[in-house]
Amino acid sequence: MKTRYSFSVVRYVHDVVGGEFVNVGVALYAPDVNFIDAKCTNKYGRLSKLFISVDGDQFRGLMSFLETQIDDARRKLEGEFQFSRKPRDILDILHRIVPKDDSSLQFSQPGAGLTADPDKILRELFERYVERYSEKKEYAARDDNEVWKIFKQPLEQKRVTKYLQPHQIVTNDYEYEFEHAWKNKQWRVLEPLSFDLENAHSIKDKAAKWLGRAVELQNAKEEFKLYMLLGRPLREELMPAYTKAENILNKIPIAKEFVREDEAEDFANEVQREIEQHENKA
């Protein structure tokens, strides 16, 4: 059965006075089935060509903020929390997240339609309004955030994402903030890693960089365990490089555990069990 939906294109406006913008995402809301989601890009190559002074870290932070707020809105729709009133359309929700002002994030007037699959329509709209204009220099079927979504879904179903929080591990010379962590005697930190990259070199290089980071993090005063949530390449010809990447990650000298995509459900059960045990003892 088809349900009504509204959508809005997310725009990055570098200069509000000049009014120039680039489409960077799409948000969609189907009220009758309590569906809300957004798909955003974190690639800023096209932005940096159009707007020389673009701050890549700031841009990625904006995209991460919007997706986090959309996640909060979804929980409200599902009843874990509540809106004071049910939103009229997607723009009503987006303007609660980012008020209509001089922000770098602006939203188009809503479009609307009927669909039997809101998630599919969101992907198609993202391809239509965002991806078709993106440069295809680097093959990357999924980034770290897309790998995280695979693991987040079963964690949400177990209602444990509300216990996850950012946590920074600090050494004398370095610090690194994990976006998803919880504490049970010691900190458990989650790090989604996509190895669905352009070539074998980039896959092995990403693993080597994480090995170097972990060598420094082992000097932290507090104990912690690292869960590496791994996304494998979708191209079979890159699997030998991925195997070598796992071999590199195995050399990480801190307490760690690899969790692969097909283990996401079992991992969510494990997290739920540990958190419930911790809560019962508290």
C-alpha atoms as a PDB file:
ATOM      1  CA  MET A   1       0.000   0.000   0.000  1.00  0.00           C
ATOM      2  CA  LYS A   2       1.332   3.425  -0.897  1.00  0.00           C
ATOM      3  CA  THR A   3       1.834   6.137   1.681  1.00  0.00           C
ATOM      4  CA  ARG A   4       2.273   9.881   1.283  1.00  0.00           C
ATOM      5  CA  TYR A   5       5.638  11.512   1.808  1.00  0.00           C
ATOM      6  CA  SER A   6       7.326  14.886   1.598  1.00  0.00           C
ATOM      7  CA  PHE A   7      10.991  15.579   0.933  1.00  0.00           C
ATOM      8  CA  SER A   8      13.388  18.498   0.941  1.00  0.00           C
ATOM      9  CA  VAL A   9      16.764  18.944  -0.701  1.00  0.00           C
ATOM     10  CA  VAL A  10      19.513  19.944   1.752  1.00  0.00           C
ATOM     11  CA  ARG A  11      21.674  22.777   0.418  1.00  0.00           C
ATOM     12  CA  TYR A  12      25.051  24.063   1.551  1.00  0.00           C
ATOM     13  CA  VAL A  13      25.107  27.853   1.179  1.00  0.00           C
ATOM     14  CA  HIS A  14      28.660  29.152   1.399  1.00  0.00           C
ATOM     15  CA  ASP A  15      27.767  32.839   1.094  1.00  0.00           C
ATOM     16  CA  VAL A  16      24.253  33.739   2.199  1.00  0.00           C
ATOM     17  CA  VAL A  17      24.485  37.176   0.587  1.00  0.00           C
ATOM     18  CA  GLY A  18      25.603  35.752  -2.754  1.00  0.00           C
ATOM     19  CA  GLY A  19      23.047  32.982  -2.533  1.00  0.00           C
ATOM     20  CA  GLU A  20      25.182  30.338  -4.259  1.00  0.00           C
ATOM     21  CA  PHE A  21      24.530  26.790  -3.031  1.00  0.00           C
ATOM     22  CA  VAL A  22      25.297  23.131  -3.685  1.00  0.00           C
ATOM     23  CA  ASN A  23      22.899  20.236  -3.054  1.00  0.00           C
ATOM     24  CA  VAL A  24      24.428  18.033  -0.356  1.00  0.00           C
ATOM     25  CA  GLY A  25      21.578  15.805   0.824  1.00  0.00           C
ATOM     26  CA  VAL A  26      17.908  14.858   0.843  1.00  0.00           C
ATOM     27  CA  ALA A  27      15.570  14.398   3.826  1.00  0.00           C
ATOM     28  CA  LEU A  28      12.264  12.522   3.584  1.00  0.00           C
ATOM     29  CA  TYR A  29       9.259  12.177   5.901  1.00  0.00           C
ATOM     30  CA  ALA A  30       6.336   9.742   5.548  1.00  0.00           C
ATOM     31  CA  PRO A  31       4.041  10.545   8.516  1.00  0.00           C
ATOM     32  CA  ASP A  32       1.595   7.651   8.171  1.00  0.00           C
ATOM     33  CA  VAL A  33       4.375   5.066   8.684  1.00  0.00           C
ATOM     34  CA  ASN A  34       6.492   7.223  11.048  1.00  0.00           C
ATOM     35  CA  PHE A  35       9.379   7.231   8.586  1.00  0.00           C
ATOM     36  CA  ILE A  36      12.001   9.949   8.592  1.00  0.00           C
ATOM     37  CA  ASP A  37      15.528   9.731   7.265  1.00  0.00           C
ATOM     38  CA  ALA A  38      18.172  11.787   5.511  1.00  0.00           C
ATOM     39  CA  LYS A  39      20.951  10.851   3.134  1.00  0.00           C
ATOM     40  CA  CYS A  40      23.850  13.307   2.982  1.00  0.00           C
ATOM     41  CA  THR A  41      27.210  13.409   1.298  1.00  0.00           C
ATOM     42  CA  ASN A  42      30.464  14.086   3.154  1.00  0.00           C
ATOM     43  CA  LYS A  43      32.415  14.696  -0.060  1.00  0.00           C
ATOM     44  CA  TYR A  44      33.402  18.329  -0.394  1.00  0.00           C
ATOM     45  CA  GLY A  45      35.596  18.219  -3.513  1.00  0.00           C
ATOM     46  CA  ARG A  46      32.945  19.980  -5.606  1.00  0.00           C
ATOM     47  CA  LEU A  47      32.405  22.545  -2.847  1.00  0.00           C
ATOM     48  CA  SER A  48      36.108  23.368  -2.653  1.00  0.00           C
ATOM     49  CA  LYS A  49      36.173  23.998  -6.408  1.00  0.00           C
ATOM     50  CA  LEU A  50      33.207  26.339  -6.230  1.00  0.00           C
ATOM     51  CA  PHE A  51      34.062  27.951  -2.896  1.00  0.00           C
ATOM     52  CA  ILE A  52      37.807  28.138  -2.311  1.00  0.00           C
ATOM     53  CA  SER A  53      37.650  28.707   1.466  1.00  0.00           C
ATOM     54  CA  VAL A  54      35.474  25.705   2.358  1.00  0.00           C
ATOM     55  CA  ASP A  55      36.503  24.047   5.657  1.00  0.00           C
ATOM     56  CA  GLY A  56      36.222  20.281   5.066  1.00  0.00           C
ATOM     57  CA  ASP A  57      36.058  19.374   8.764  1.00  0.00           C
ATOM     58  CA  GLN A  58      33.345  21.961   9.390  1.00  0.00           C
ATOM     59  CA  PHE A  59      31.330  20.695   6.424  1.00  0.00           C
ATOM     60  CA  ARG A  60      31.537  17.060   7.576  1.00  0.00           C
ATOM     61  CA  GLY A  61      30.529  18.223  11.052  1.00  0.00           C
ATOM     62  CA  LEU A  62      27.412  19.890   9.627  1.00  0.00           C
ATOM     63  CA  MET A  63      26.430  16.697   7.804  1.00  0.00           C
ATOM     64  CA  SER A  64      27.011  14.589  10.918  1.00  0.00           C
ATOM     65  CA  PHE A  65      24.970  17.036  13.043  1.00  0.00           C
ATOM     66  CA  LEU A  66      22.022  16.911  10.645  1.00  0.00           C
ATOM     67  CA  GLU A  67      21.986  13.102  10.471  1.00  0.00           C
ATOM     68  CA  THR A  68      22.196  12.850  14.279  1.00  0.00           C
ATOM     69  CA  GLN A  69      19.257  15.228  14.678  1.00  0.00           C
ATOM     70  CA  ILE A  70      17.244  13.258  12.124  1.00  0.00           C
ATOM     71  CA  ASP A  71      17.948  10.115  14.181  1.00  0.00           C
ATOM     72  CA  ASP A  72      16.577  11.906  17.264  1.00  0.00           C
ATOM     73  CA  ALA A  73      13.468  12.906  15.318  1.00  0.00           C
ATOM     74  CA  ARG A  74      12.956   9.278  14.280  1.00  0.00           C
ATOM     75  CA  ARG A  75      13.023   8.148  17.904  1.00  0.00           C
ATOM     76  CA  LYS A  76      10.408  10.766  18.737  1.00  0.00           C
ATOM     77  CA  LEU A  77       8.174   9.505  15.953  1.00  0.00           C
ATOM     78  CA  GLU A  78       8.600   5.921  17.143  1.00  0.00           C
ATOM     79  CA  GLY A  79       7.407   6.890  20.605  1.00  0.00           C
ATOM     80  CA  GLU A  80      10.599   6.706  22.682  1.00  0.00           C
ATOM     81  CA  PHE A  81      10.209  10.463  23.082  1.00  0.00           C
ATOM     82  CA  GLN A  82       7.440  12.657  21.747  1.00  0.00           C
ATOM     83  CA  PHE A  83       7.027  15.737  19.591  1.00  0.00           C
ATOM     84  CA  SER A  84       4.825  18.393  21.196  1.00  0.00           C
ATOM     85  CA  ARG A  85       2.790  18.130  17.983  1.00  0.00           C
ATOM     86  CA  LYS A  86       3.186  15.870  14.973  1.00  0.00           C
ATOM     87  CA  PRO A  87       5.131  17.616  12.195  1.00  0.00           C
ATOM     88  CA  ARG A  88       3.187  18.771   9.142  1.00  0.00           C
ATOM     89  CA  ASP A  89       5.872  17.930   6.614  1.00  0.00           C
ATOM     90  CA  ILE A  90       9.625  17.435   6.283  1.00  0.00           C
ATOM     91  CA  LEU A  91      10.312  21.183   6.279  1.00  0.00           C
ATOM     92  CA  ASP A  92       8.530  21.505   9.629  1.00  0.00           C
ATOM     93  CA  ILE A  93      10.977  18.951  11.080  1.00  0.00           C
ATOM     94  CA  LEU A  94      14.066  20.457   9.432  1.00  0.00           C
ATOM     95  CA  HIS A  95      13.304  23.958  10.667  1.00  0.00           C
ATOM     96  CA  ARG A  96      13.041  22.624  14.215  1.00  0.00           C
ATOM     97  CA  ILE A  97      16.570  21.269  13.781  1.00  0.00           C
ATOM     98  CA  VAL A  98      18.050  24.244  11.934  1.00  0.00           C
ATOM     99  CA  PRO A  99      15.941  27.426  12.288  1.00  0.00           C
ATOM    100  CA  LYS A 100      15.293  29.428   9.127  1.00  0.00           C
ATOM    101  CA  ASP A 101      18.060  32.017   9.403  1.00  0.00           C
ATOM    102  CA  ASP A 102      21.493  32.668   7.955  1.00  0.00           C
ATOM    103  CA  SER A 103      22.788  29.138   8.534  1.00  0.00           C
ATOM    104  CA  SER A 104      25.013  27.451   5.957  1.00  0.00           C
ATOM    105  CA  LEU A 105      22.397  24.679   5.804  1.00  0.00           C
ATOM    106  CA  GLN A 106      19.261  25.624   3.908  1.00  0.00           C
ATOM    107  CA  PHE A 107      16.358  23.510   2.685  1.00  0.00           C
ATOM    108  CA  SER A 108      14.304  23.564  -0.493  1.00  0.00           C
ATOM    109  CA  GLN A 109      10.541  23.882  -0.451  1.00  0.00           C
ATOM    110  CA  PRO A 110       9.108  20.390   0.055  1.00  0.00           C
ATOM    111  CA  GLY A 111       8.205  18.074  -2.770  1.00  0.00           C
ATOM    112  CA  ALA A 112       5.613  15.349  -2.229  1.00  0.00           C
ATOM    113  CA  GLY A 113       4.315  12.082  -3.573  1.00  0.00           C
ATOM    114  CA  LEU A 114       3.108   8.566  -2.835  1.00  0.00           C
ATOM    115  CA  THR A 115       5.309   5.487  -2.395  1.00  0.00           C
ATOM    116  CA  ALA A 116       5.236   1.940  -1.074  1.00  0.00           C
ATOM    117  CA  ASP A 117       8.938   2.159  -0.148  1.00  0.00           C
ATOM    118  CA  PRO A 118      10.083   5.452   1.457  1.00  0.00           C
ATOM    119  CA  ASP A 119      13.672   4.255   1.850  1.00  0.00           C
ATOM    120  CA  LYS A 120      13.937   3.428  -1.861  1.00  0.00           C
ATOM    121  CA  ILE A 121      12.486   6.797  -2.831  1.00  0.00           C
ATOM    122  CA  LEU A 122      15.033   8.530  -0.558  1.00  0.00           C
ATOM    123  CA  ARG A 123      17.905   6.764  -2.327  1.00  0.00           C
ATOM    124  CA  GLU A 124      16.489   7.651  -5.736  1.00  0.00           C
ATOM    125  CA  LEU A 125      16.031  11.298  -4.781  1.00  0.00           C
ATOM    126  CA  PHE A 126      19.579  11.452  -3.422  1.00  0.00           C
ATOM    127  CA  GLU A 127      20.892  10.075  -6.718  1.00  0.00           C
ATOM    128  CA  ARG A 128      18.776  12.555  -8.664  1.00  0.00           C
ATOM    129  CA  TYR A 129      19.554  15.728  -6.712  1.00  0.00           C
ATOM    130  CA  VAL A 130      23.031  15.071  -5.268  1.00  0.00           C
ATOM    131  CA  GLU A 131      25.005  12.149  -6.679  1.00  0.00           C
ATOM    132  CA  ARG A 132      24.466  12.935 -10.355  1.00  0.00           C
ATOM    133  CA  TYR A 133      26.379  16.183  -9.835  1.00  0.00           C
ATOM    134  CA  SER A 134      29.198  14.674  -7.778  1.00  0.00           C
ATOM    135  CA  GLU A 135      32.596  13.972  -9.241  1.00  0.00           C
ATOM    136  CA  LYS A 136      33.343  10.270  -9.668  1.00  0.00           C
ATOM    137  CA  LYS A 137      37.110  10.512  -9.153  1.00  0.00           C
ATOM    138  CA  GLU A 138      37.272   7.965  -6.372  1.00  0.00           C
ATOM    139  CA  TYR A 139      35.293   4.757  -6.154  1.00  0.00           C
ATOM    140  CA  ALA A 140      33.879   4.448  -2.658  1.00  0.00           C
ATOM    141  CA  ALA A 141      30.633   2.505  -2.524  1.00  0.00           C
ATOM    142  CA  ARG A 142      30.313   3.188   1.202  1.00  0.00           C
ATOM    143  CA  ASP A 143      31.980   5.502   3.685  1.00  0.00           C
ATOM    144  CA  ASP A 144      32.445   4.901   7.414  1.00  0.00           C
ATOM    145  CA  ASN A 145      29.066   6.434   8.202  1.00  0.00           C
ATOM    146  CA  GLU A 146      27.264   4.065   5.835  1.00  0.00           C
ATOM    147  CA  VAL A 147      28.988   1.099   7.484  1.00  0.00           C
ATOM    148  CA  TRP A 148      27.870   2.468  10.871  1.00  0.00           C
ATOM    149  CA  LYS A 149      24.251   2.507   9.682  1.00  0.00           C
ATOM    150  CA  ILE A 150      24.429  -1.253   9.084  1.00  0.00           C
ATOM    151  CA  PHE A 151      25.378  -1.786  12.719  1.00  0.00           C
ATOM    152  CA  LYS A 152      23.167   0.965  14.102  1.00  0.00           C
ATOM    153  CA  GLN A 153      19.916  -0.565  12.840  1.00  0.00           C
ATOM    154  CA  PRO A 154      20.005  -3.701  15.041  1.00  0.00           C
ATOM    155  CA  LEU A 155      21.346  -1.611  17.944  1.00  0.00           C
ATOM    156  CA  GLU A 156      18.331   0.676  17.592  1.00  0.00           C
ATOM    157  CA  GLN A 157      16.016  -2.327  17.492  1.00  0.00           C
ATOM    158  CA  LYS A 158      17.515  -3.424  20.826  1.00  0.00           C
ATOM    159  CA  ARG A 159      16.982   0.148  22.134  1.00  0.00           C
ATOM    160  CA  VAL A 160      20.577   0.558  23.246  1.00  0.00           C
ATOM    161  CA  THR A 161      21.727   3.452  21.032  1.00  0.00           C
ATOM    162  CA  LYS A 162      20.505   5.874  23.716  1.00  0.00           C
ATOM    163  CA  TYR A 163      23.277   4.538  25.977  1.00  0.00           C
ATOM    164  CA  LEU A 164      25.995   5.288  23.423  1.00  0.00           C
ATOM    165  CA  GLN A 165      27.888   8.558  23.731  1.00  0.00           C
ATOM    166  CA  PRO A 166      31.083  10.176  22.433  1.00  0.00           C
ATOM    167  CA  HIS A 167      34.198   9.456  24.478  1.00  0.00           C
ATOM    168  CA  GLN A 168      37.725  10.762  24.066  1.00  0.00           C
ATOM    169  CA  ILE A 169      40.765   8.588  24.739  1.00  0.00           C
ATOM    170  CA  VAL A 170      43.723  10.754  25.776  1.00  0.00           C
ATOM    171  CA  THR A 171      47.474  10.140  25.983  1.00  0.00           C
ATOM    172  CA  ASN A 172      50.251  12.585  26.830  1.00  0.00           C
ATOM    173  CA  ASP A 173      50.794  13.361  23.152  1.00  0.00           C
ATOM    174  CA  TYR A 174      47.530  12.489  21.404  1.00  0.00           C
ATOM    175  CA  GLU A 175      43.791  12.244  21.766  1.00  0.00           C
ATOM    176  CA  TYR A 176      41.044  10.647  19.709  1.00  0.00           C
ATOM    177  CA  GLU A 177      37.281  10.931  20.149  1.00  0.00           C
ATOM    178  CA  PHE A 178      35.124   7.910  19.416  1.00  0.00           C
ATOM    179  CA  GLU A 179      31.578   8.919  18.514  1.00  0.00           C
ATOM    180  CA  HIS A 180      29.945   5.776  19.939  1.00  0.00           C
ATOM    181  CA  ALA A 181      30.942   4.359  23.330  1.00  0.00           C
ATOM    182  CA  TRP A 182      29.538   2.997  26.575  1.00  0.00           C
ATOM    183  CA  LYS A 183      31.062   2.102  29.917  1.00  0.00           C
ATOM    184  CA  ASN A 184      30.838  -1.240  31.711  1.00  0.00           C
ATOM    185  CA  LYS A 185      33.723  -1.309  34.232  1.00  0.00           C
ATOM    186  CA  GLN A 186      35.863   0.002  31.382  1.00  0.00           C
ATOM    187  CA  TRP A 187      35.008   1.947  28.265  1.00  0.00           C
ATOM    188  CA  ARG A 188      33.921   0.053  25.159  1.00  0.00           C
ATOM    189  CA  VAL A 189      34.492   2.200  22.066  1.00  0.00           C
ATOM    190  CA  LEU A 190      33.077   1.492  18.615  1.00  0.00           C
ATOM    191  CA  GLU A 191      34.772   2.515  15.377  1.00  0.00           C
ATOM    192  CA  PRO A 192      33.050   1.813  12.027  1.00  0.00           C
ATOM    193  CA  LEU A 193      35.604   1.391   9.233  1.00  0.00           C
ATOM    194  CA  SER A 194      34.756   1.103   5.557  1.00  0.00           C
ATOM    195  CA  PHE A 195      37.315  -0.690   3.411  1.00  0.00           C
ATOM    196  CA  ASP A 196      35.141  -0.341   0.329  1.00  0.00           C
ATOM    197  CA  LEU A 197      37.696   1.995  -1.245  1.00  0.00           C
ATOM    198  CA  GLU A 198      39.129   2.859  -4.640  1.00  0.00           C
ATOM    199  CA  ASN A 199      42.076   0.483  -4.766  1.00  0.00           C
ATOM    200  CA  ALA A 200      44.212  -2.003  -2.862  1.00  0.00           C
ATOM    201  CA  HIS A 201      46.714   0.655  -1.769  1.00  0.00           C
ATOM    202  CA  SER A 202      44.076   2.839  -0.102  1.00  0.00           C
ATOM    203  CA  ILE A 203      42.654  -0.185   1.737  1.00  0.00           C
ATOM    204  CA  LYS A 204      46.024  -1.211   3.192  1.00  0.00           C
ATOM    205  CA  ASP A 205      46.984   2.396   3.863  1.00  0.00           C
ATOM    206  CA  LYS A 206      43.817   2.969   5.933  1.00  0.00           C
ATOM    207  CA  ALA A 207      44.591  -0.095   8.056  1.00  0.00           C
ATOM    208  CA  ALA A 208      48.208   1.059   8.543  1.00  0.00           C
ATOM    209  CA  LYS A 209      47.047   4.494   9.695  1.00  0.00           C
ATOM    210  CA  TRP A 210      44.792   2.864  12.280  1.00  0.00           C
ATOM    211  CA  LEU A 211      47.648   0.687  13.475  1.00  0.00           C
ATOM    212  CA  GLY A 212      49.743   3.812  14.018  1.00  0.00           C
ATOM    213  CA  ARG A 213      46.899   5.534  15.868  1.00  0.00           C
ATOM    214  CA  ALA A 214      46.356   2.528  18.116  1.00  0.00           C
ATOM    215  CA  VAL A 215      50.074   2.288  18.968  1.00  0.00           C
ATOM    216  CA  GLU A 216      49.798   5.767  20.490  1.00  0.00           C
ATOM    217  CA  LEU A 217      46.409   5.134  22.146  1.00  0.00           C
ATOM    218  CA  GLN A 218      47.858   2.172  24.058  1.00  0.00           C
ATOM    219  CA  ASN A 219      49.598   4.794  26.231  1.00  0.00           C
ATOM    220  CA  ALA A 220      46.271   6.069  27.583  1.00  0.00           C
ATOM    221  CA  LYS A 221      45.917   5.923  31.349  1.00  0.00           C
ATOM    222  CA  GLU A 222      42.386   4.507  31.262  1.00  0.00           C
ATOM    223  CA  GLU A 223      41.639   0.989  30.096  1.00  0.00           C
ATOM    224  CA  PHE A 224      39.322   0.513  27.161  1.00  0.00           C
ATOM    225  CA  LYS A 225      38.325  -2.052  24.555  1.00  0.00           C
ATOM    226  CA  LEU A 226      38.105  -1.200  20.879  1.00  0.00           C
ATOM    227  CA  TYR A 227      35.404  -2.747  18.694  1.00  0.00           C
ATOM    228  CA  MET A 228      36.246  -2.298  15.023  1.00  0.00           C
ATOM    229  CA  LEU A 229      33.075  -2.517  12.921  1.00  0.00           C
ATOM    230  CA  LEU A 230      34.391  -3.583   9.530  1.00  0.00           C
ATOM    231  CA  GLY A 231      32.859  -3.007   6.121  1.00  0.00           C
ATOM    232  CA  ARG A 232      34.468  -5.196   3.445  1.00  0.00           C
ATOM    233  CA  PRO A 233      34.967  -4.172  -0.201  1.00  0.00           C
ATOM    234  CA  LEU A 234      32.036  -4.886  -2.469  1.00  0.00           C
ATOM    235  CA  ARG A 235      34.417  -5.566  -5.364  1.00  0.00           C
ATOM    236  CA  GLU A 236      35.742  -9.103  -5.115  1.00  0.00           C
ATOM    237  CA  GLU A 237      39.051  -8.207  -6.762  1.00  0.00           C
ATOM    238  CA  LEU A 238      39.874  -6.080  -3.683  1.00  0.00           C
ATOM    239  CA  MET A 239      39.343  -8.891  -1.164  1.00  0.00           C
ATOM    240  CA  PRO A 240      43.058  -9.925  -1.065  1.00  0.00           C
ATOM    241  CA  ALA A 241      43.932  -6.361  -0.063  1.00  0.00           C
ATOM    242  CA  TYR A 242      41.194  -6.451   2.587  1.00  0.00           C
ATOM    243  CA  THR A 243      42.653  -9.683   4.003  1.00  0.00           C
ATOM    244  CA  LYS A 244      46.015  -7.939   4.300  1.00  0.00           C
ATOM    245  CA  ALA A 245      44.311  -4.960   5.936  1.00  0.00           C
ATOM    246  CA  GLU A 246      42.846  -7.250   8.611  1.00  0.00           C
ATOM    247  CA  ASN A 247      46.313  -8.730   9.130  1.00  0.00           C
ATOM    248  CA  ILE A 248      47.620  -5.210   9.731  1.00  0.00           C
ATOM    249  CA  LEU A 249      44.773  -4.422  12.142  1.00  0.00           C
ATOM    250  CA  ASN A 250      45.525  -7.640  14.029  1.00  0.00           C
ATOM    251  CA  LYS A 251      48.816  -6.056  15.078  1.00  0.00           C
ATOM    252  CA  ILE A 252      46.994  -3.365  17.051  1.00  0.00           C
ATOM    253  CA  PRO A 253      48.448  -3.629  20.581  1.00  0.00           C
ATOM    254  CA  ILE A 254      45.309  -2.822  22.583  1.00  0.00           C
ATOM    255  CA  ALA A 255      42.289  -4.886  23.606  1.00  0.00           C
ATOM    256  CA  LYS A 256      40.206  -5.177  20.448  1.00  0.00           C
ATOM    257  CA  GLU A 257      37.569  -7.171  18.649  1.00  0.00           C
ATOM    258  CA  PHE A 258      36.665  -7.230  14.962  1.00  0.00           C
ATOM    259  CA  VAL A 259      32.965  -7.244  14.127  1.00  0.00           C
ATOM    260  CA  ARG A 260      31.999  -7.868  10.519  1.00  0.00           C
ATOM    261  CA  GLU A 261      28.786  -6.824   8.828  1.00  0.00           C
ATOM    262  CA  ASP A 262      27.183 -10.275   8.908  1.00  0.00           C
ATOM    263  CA  GLU A 263      27.749 -10.282  12.683  1.00  0.00           C
ATOM    264  CA  ALA A 264      25.823  -7.032  13.301  1.00  0.00           C
ATOM    265  CA  GLU A 265      22.761  -8.783  14.816  1.00  0.00           C
ATOM    266  CA  ASP A 266      24.847 -10.926  17.189  1.00  0.00           C
ATOM    267  CA  PHE A 267      26.868  -7.874  18.180  1.00  0.00           C
ATOM    268  CA  ALA A 268      23.693  -5.918  19.007  1.00  0.00           C
ATOM    269  CA  ASN A 269      22.564  -8.798  21.231  1.00  0.00           C
ATOM    270  CA  GLU A 270      25.930  -8.779  22.996  1.00  0.00           C
ATOM    271  CA  VAL A 271      25.810  -5.007  23.579  1.00  0.00           C
ATOM    272  CA  GLN A 272      22.250  -5.242  24.887  1.00  0.00           C
ATOM    273  CA  ARG A 273      23.216  -8.030  27.288  1.00  0.00           C
ATOM    274  CA  GLU A 274      26.221  -6.153  28.657  1.00  0.00           C
ATOM    275  CA  ILE A 275      24.316  -2.889  29.087  1.00  0.00           C
ATOM    276  CA  GLU A 276      21.393  -4.616  30.810  1.00  0.00           C
ATOM    277  CA  GLN A 277      23.754  -6.417  33.191  1.00  0.00           C
ATOM    278  CA  HIS A 278      25.484  -3.135  33.980  1.00  0.00           C
ATOM    279  CA  GLU A 279      22.170  -1.333  34.539  1.00  0.00           C
ATOM    280  CA  ASN A 280      20.883  -4.069  36.848  1.00  0.00           C
ATOM    281  CA  LYS A 281      24.025  -3.816  38.988  1.00  0.00           C
ATOM    282  CA  ALA A 282      23.871  -0.019  39.137  1.00  0.00           C
END
